[in-house]
Amino acid sequence: GSSGSSGDCYKNFVAKKCAGCKNPITGFGKGSSVVAYEGQSWHDYCFHCKKCSVNLANKRFVFHQEQVYCPDCAKKL
């Protein structure tokens, strides 16, 4: 199975989609830092608490019902 066209194939099929903004995570430029958890991936700047919006990249977080929360908000769920 060979096809003539290539180029956007990587972006469409290989790149993970950010669970936060739904855009592909290309690994280049601003979106090069990636948080991966439970089979999902986020740009580091999209990885923040669902309730208070504090950024949780490189910090502790709680994953609850496919959403990300900081430990403080997670206690109040």
Protein backbone atom coordinates (compact mmCIF):
# COMPACT_ATOMS: atom_id res chain seq x y z
CA GLY A 1 0.00 0.00 0.00
CA SER A 2 1.94 3.03 -1.22
CA SER A 3 0.43 6.42 -1.84
CA GLY A 4 1.91 9.40 -3.62
CA SER A 5 1.03 12.17 -1.21
CA SER A 6 2.86 12.87 2.02
CA GLY A 7 3.58 15.87 4.17
CA ASP A 8 0.53 16.47 6.31
CA CYS A 9 0.24 12.77 7.05
CA TYR A 10 2.44 13.05 10.11
CA LYS A 11 0.36 15.84 11.59
CA ASN A 12 -2.94 14.13 10.92
CA PHE A 13 -2.18 10.58 11.96
CA VAL A 14 0.88 10.44 14.18
CA ALA A 15 0.64 13.61 16.23
CA LYS A 16 -1.43 13.26 19.36
CA LYS A 17 -4.29 15.67 19.84
CA CYS A 18 -4.23 17.86 22.91
CA ALA A 19 -7.05 16.91 25.26
CA GLY A 20 -7.29 20.57 26.25
CA CYS A 21 -7.38 22.59 23.04
CA LYS A 22 -7.97 19.67 20.60
CA ASN A 23 -5.15 20.83 18.33
CA PRO A 24 -2.39 18.44 17.26
CA ILE A 25 0.70 18.29 19.43
CA THR A 26 3.47 18.59 16.86
CA GLY A 27 6.49 18.72 19.15
CA PHE A 28 7.76 21.90 17.53
CA GLY A 29 7.80 25.51 18.69
CA LYS A 30 5.49 26.59 21.47
CA GLY A 31 3.81 23.21 21.81
CA SER A 32 6.95 21.16 22.26
CA SER A 33 6.47 20.41 25.96
CA VAL A 34 3.87 17.72 26.39
CA VAL A 35 2.10 16.26 29.41
CA ALA A 36 0.96 12.67 28.85
CA TYR A 37 -1.26 10.75 31.25
CA GLU A 38 -3.65 7.81 30.95
CA GLY A 39 -3.25 7.70 27.18
CA GLN A 40 -4.13 11.36 26.73
CA SER A 41 -1.79 14.23 25.95
CA TRP A 42 -1.79 17.97 26.53
CA HIS A 43 0.38 20.92 25.59
CA ASP A 44 2.04 22.01 28.82
CA TYR A 45 0.19 25.35 28.61
CA CYS A 46 -3.17 23.56 28.17
CA PHE A 47 -2.69 21.36 31.22
CA HIS A 48 -4.52 23.17 33.97
CA CYS A 49 -7.13 22.65 36.65
CA LYS A 50 -10.66 22.37 35.30
CA LYS A 51 -12.01 24.45 38.17
CA CYS A 52 -9.50 27.16 39.04
CA SER A 53 -7.40 27.07 35.83
CA VAL A 54 -4.04 27.02 37.60
CA ASN A 55 -1.40 25.49 35.36
CA LEU A 56 -0.40 22.02 36.51
CA ALA A 57 2.45 21.19 34.16
CA ASN A 58 5.32 19.86 36.30
CA LYS A 59 3.12 20.04 39.40
CA ARG A 60 0.96 17.60 41.29
CA PHE A 61 -2.50 17.06 39.87
CA VAL A 62 -5.52 14.81 40.28
CA PHE A 63 -7.16 13.13 37.31
CA HIS A 64 -10.90 12.71 37.89
CA GLN A 65 -13.46 11.62 35.28
CA GLU A 66 -11.15 12.54 32.39
CA GLN A 67 -10.58 16.03 33.77
CA VAL A 68 -7.55 17.50 35.47
CA TYR A 69 -7.74 19.21 38.87
CA CYS A 70 -5.26 20.70 41.27
CA PRO A 71 -5.08 18.91 44.64
CA ASP A 72 -7.01 21.71 46.36
CA CYS A 73 -9.98 21.59 43.99
CA ALA A 74 -9.88 17.82 43.93
CA LYS A 75 -10.58 17.76 47.67
CA LYS A 76 -13.83 19.66 47.07
CA LEU A 77 -15.14 17.39 44.31
